[in-house]
Amino acid sequence: MDRFDRDILDFVRSWAPYGGPPTEEVLAEFGMTRSQLLVRVDRIISEERVRRDEELRRPWLRVRAPANDH
């Protein structure tokens, strides 16, 4: 996740208690519509979930790999 994506998530989190950011704040901060922001947030979360799943599985896959015993 890059800095821009982290900024987006921080922004959305800060507005969450208030029902999410207003359109004019999204436009001023990121130059996109609220709908575009929501799509971007969904993508960021999906990509981060995949990355974390892969990170968690990596050690397990090494353990499960068949030993190359001769």
Protein backbone atom coordinates (compact mmCIF):
# COMPACT_ATOMS: atom_id res chain seq x y z
CA MET A 1 0.00 0.00 0.00
CA ASP A 2 1.43 3.36 -0.98
CA ARG A 3 1.25 6.68 0.87
CA PHE A 4 -1.73 7.92 -1.17
CA ASP A 5 -3.75 4.82 -0.29
CA ARG A 6 -2.85 5.20 3.40
CA ASP A 7 -3.92 8.84 3.26
CA ILE A 8 -7.25 7.80 1.77
CA LEU A 9 -7.86 5.22 4.49
CA ASP A 10 -6.90 7.66 7.24
CA PHE A 11 -9.24 10.26 5.73
CA VAL A 12 -12.15 7.82 5.51
CA ARG A 13 -11.53 6.58 9.07
CA SER A 14 -11.51 10.12 10.40
CA TRP A 15 -14.90 10.79 8.80
CA ALA A 16 -16.46 7.41 9.69
CA PRO A 17 -18.08 8.60 12.96
CA TYR A 18 -19.89 11.28 10.95
CA GLY A 19 -21.30 9.03 8.24
CA GLY A 20 -18.35 9.37 5.89
CA PRO A 21 -16.77 12.34 4.20
CA PRO A 22 -18.87 14.91 2.36
CA THR A 23 -18.41 15.12 -1.38
CA GLU A 24 -16.81 18.57 -1.27
CA GLU A 25 -14.16 17.37 1.22
CA VAL A 26 -13.33 14.35 -0.94
CA LEU A 27 -12.98 16.54 -4.01
CA ALA A 28 -10.81 19.09 -2.21
CA GLU A 29 -8.57 16.47 -0.61
CA PHE A 30 -8.21 13.89 -3.40
CA GLY A 31 -9.67 15.37 -6.56
CA MET A 32 -12.27 12.64 -6.96
CA THR A 33 -15.95 12.16 -6.36
CA ARG A 34 -17.23 10.41 -3.28
CA SER A 35 -18.27 7.44 -5.44
CA GLN A 36 -14.76 7.21 -6.87
CA LEU A 37 -13.34 7.36 -3.37
CA LEU A 38 -15.56 4.51 -2.18
CA VAL A 39 -14.53 2.36 -5.14
CA ARG A 40 -10.89 3.15 -4.37
CA VAL A 41 -11.34 2.25 -0.68
CA ASP A 42 -12.90 -1.10 -1.63
CA ARG A 43 -9.97 -1.81 -3.96
CA ILE A 44 -7.40 -0.84 -1.32
CA ILE A 45 -9.04 -3.10 1.26
CA SER A 46 -9.29 -6.03 -1.18
CA GLU A 47 -5.66 -5.71 -2.25
CA GLU A 48 -4.48 -5.42 1.35
CA ARG A 49 -6.49 -8.48 2.35
CA VAL A 50 -4.88 -10.53 -0.44
CA ARG A 51 -1.40 -9.26 0.50
CA ARG A 52 -1.88 -10.12 4.17
CA ASP A 53 -3.31 -13.55 3.36
CA GLU A 54 -0.27 -14.30 1.20
CA GLU A 55 2.06 -13.01 3.90
CA LEU A 56 0.43 -15.22 6.52
CA ARG A 57 0.51 -18.29 4.26
CA ARG A 58 4.13 -17.93 3.17
CA PRO A 59 5.69 -19.61 6.25
CA TRP A 60 3.06 -22.34 6.20
CA LEU A 61 3.74 -23.12 2.55
CA ARG A 62 7.43 -23.55 3.33
CA VAL A 63 6.58 -25.99 6.12
CA ARG A 64 4.17 -27.92 3.91
CA ALA A 65 6.59 -28.13 0.98
CA PRO A 66 7.84 -31.67 0.48
CA ALA A 67 11.34 -32.16 1.82
CA ASN A 68 13.96 -32.81 -0.80
CA ASP A 69 15.47 -35.71 1.14
CA HIS A 70 17.73 -38.04 -0.80
